[in-house]
């Protein structure tokens, strides 16, 4: 690929990423409106036409890695493994 072709592809990529970010922001705004409506109406589930929307509390548990590392550094080191990935960025 020539430099001109690469530049064109990068510009196209940046434009598409901007469109995606805009669409995601608009979708989040709509979600926020729906959540606010559900909170105002004190409901966590609604049937609207053919759609069912939920905004409910979900409880979960997570392992506190930082606390475990502080209190059991030797065990943490024993069960920690290095990984390698590739990261693609365009600046």
Protein backbone atom coordinates (compact mmCIF):
# COMPACT_ATOMS: atom_id res chain seq x y z
CA UNK A 1 0.00 0.00 0.00
CA UNK A 2 1.27 3.46 -0.83
CA UNK A 3 1.49 6.31 1.67
CA UNK A 4 -1.47 8.01 -0.02
CA UNK A 5 -3.58 4.87 0.29
CA UNK A 6 -2.62 4.47 3.96
CA UNK A 7 -3.45 8.12 4.67
CA UNK A 8 -6.83 7.72 2.96
CA UNK A 9 -7.63 4.60 4.99
CA UNK A 10 -6.59 6.26 8.26
CA UNK A 11 -8.76 9.30 7.51
CA UNK A 12 -11.69 7.01 6.68
CA UNK A 13 -11.11 5.09 9.91
CA UNK A 14 -11.07 8.31 11.97
CA UNK A 15 -14.32 9.48 10.34
CA UNK A 16 -16.03 6.16 11.05
CA UNK A 17 -14.78 6.18 14.64
CA UNK A 18 -16.20 9.69 15.09
CA UNK A 19 -19.57 8.51 13.74
CA UNK A 20 -19.52 5.52 16.09
CA UNK A 21 -18.73 7.76 19.08
CA UNK A 22 -21.56 10.12 18.14
CA UNK A 23 -24.03 7.23 17.73
CA UNK A 24 -22.93 5.73 21.06
CA UNK A 25 -23.38 9.08 22.80
CA UNK A 26 -26.88 9.41 21.33
CA UNK A 27 -27.75 5.84 22.38
CA UNK A 28 -26.51 6.53 25.93
CA UNK A 29 -28.62 9.69 26.09
CA UNK A 30 -31.71 7.69 25.08
CA UNK A 31 -30.89 5.00 27.66
CA UNK A 32 -30.50 7.70 30.32
CA UNK A 33 -33.94 9.11 29.42
CA UNK A 34 -35.51 5.65 29.70
CA UNK A 35 -33.77 4.97 33.02
CA UNK A 36 -34.92 8.32 34.41
CA UNK A 37 -38.49 7.57 33.34
CA UNK A 38 -38.37 4.19 35.07
CA UNK A 39 -36.92 5.69 38.25
CA UNK A 40 -39.54 8.46 38.25
CA UNK A 41 -42.25 5.81 37.89
CA UNK A 42 -40.69 3.53 40.52
CA UNK A 43 -40.50 0.49 38.26
CA UNK A 44 -37.70 -1.84 37.25
CA UNK A 45 -39.51 -3.55 34.36
CA UNK A 46 -41.89 -2.34 31.67
CA UNK A 47 -43.59 -3.78 28.60
CA UNK A 48 -43.74 -1.19 25.85
CA UNK A 49 -45.29 -2.38 22.58
CA UNK A 50 -43.22 -5.45 21.62
CA UNK A 51 -40.35 -4.49 23.91
CA UNK A 52 -39.59 -5.35 27.50
CA UNK A 53 -37.20 -2.97 29.25
CA UNK A 54 -35.57 -3.55 32.60
CA UNK A 55 -33.55 -1.35 34.89
CA UNK A 56 -32.99 -3.43 37.99
CA UNK A 57 -30.38 -3.72 40.70
CA UNK A 58 -28.02 -6.61 40.09
CA UNK A 59 -25.87 -7.83 42.95
CA UNK A 60 -22.54 -9.50 42.39
CA UNK A 61 -19.26 -10.38 43.99
CA UNK A 62 -15.79 -9.54 42.80
CA UNK A 63 -12.44 -10.73 43.96
CA UNK A 64 -10.43 -7.89 45.54
CA UNK A 65 -7.11 -8.43 43.78
CA UNK A 66 -5.43 -5.39 45.34
CA UNK A 67 -6.25 -6.46 48.91
CA UNK A 68 -5.18 -10.04 48.20
CA UNK A 69 -1.91 -8.80 46.72
CA UNK A 70 -1.24 -6.69 49.83
CA UNK A 71 -1.96 -9.47 52.31
CA UNK A 72 -0.66 -12.48 50.33
CA UNK A 73 2.04 -11.14 48.02
CA UNK A 74 3.78 -14.51 47.73
CA UNK A 75 0.61 -16.36 46.70
CA UNK A 76 -0.33 -13.53 44.35
CA UNK A 77 3.07 -13.80 42.64
CA UNK A 78 2.78 -17.57 42.47
CA UNK A 79 -0.54 -17.41 40.58
CA UNK A 80 0.14 -14.36 38.44
CA UNK A 81 1.21 -14.90 34.86
CA UNK A 82 2.38 -12.50 32.23
CA UNK A 83 0.32 -12.08 29.09
CA UNK A 84 1.12 -10.44 25.82
CA UNK A 85 -1.27 -8.69 23.48
CA UNK A 86 -1.04 -6.23 20.63
CA UNK A 87 -2.62 -2.80 20.84
CA UNK A 88 -3.54 -0.84 17.72
CA UNK A 89 -3.75 2.95 18.01
CA UNK A 90 -4.01 5.83 15.60
CA UNK A 91 -2.99 9.21 17.00
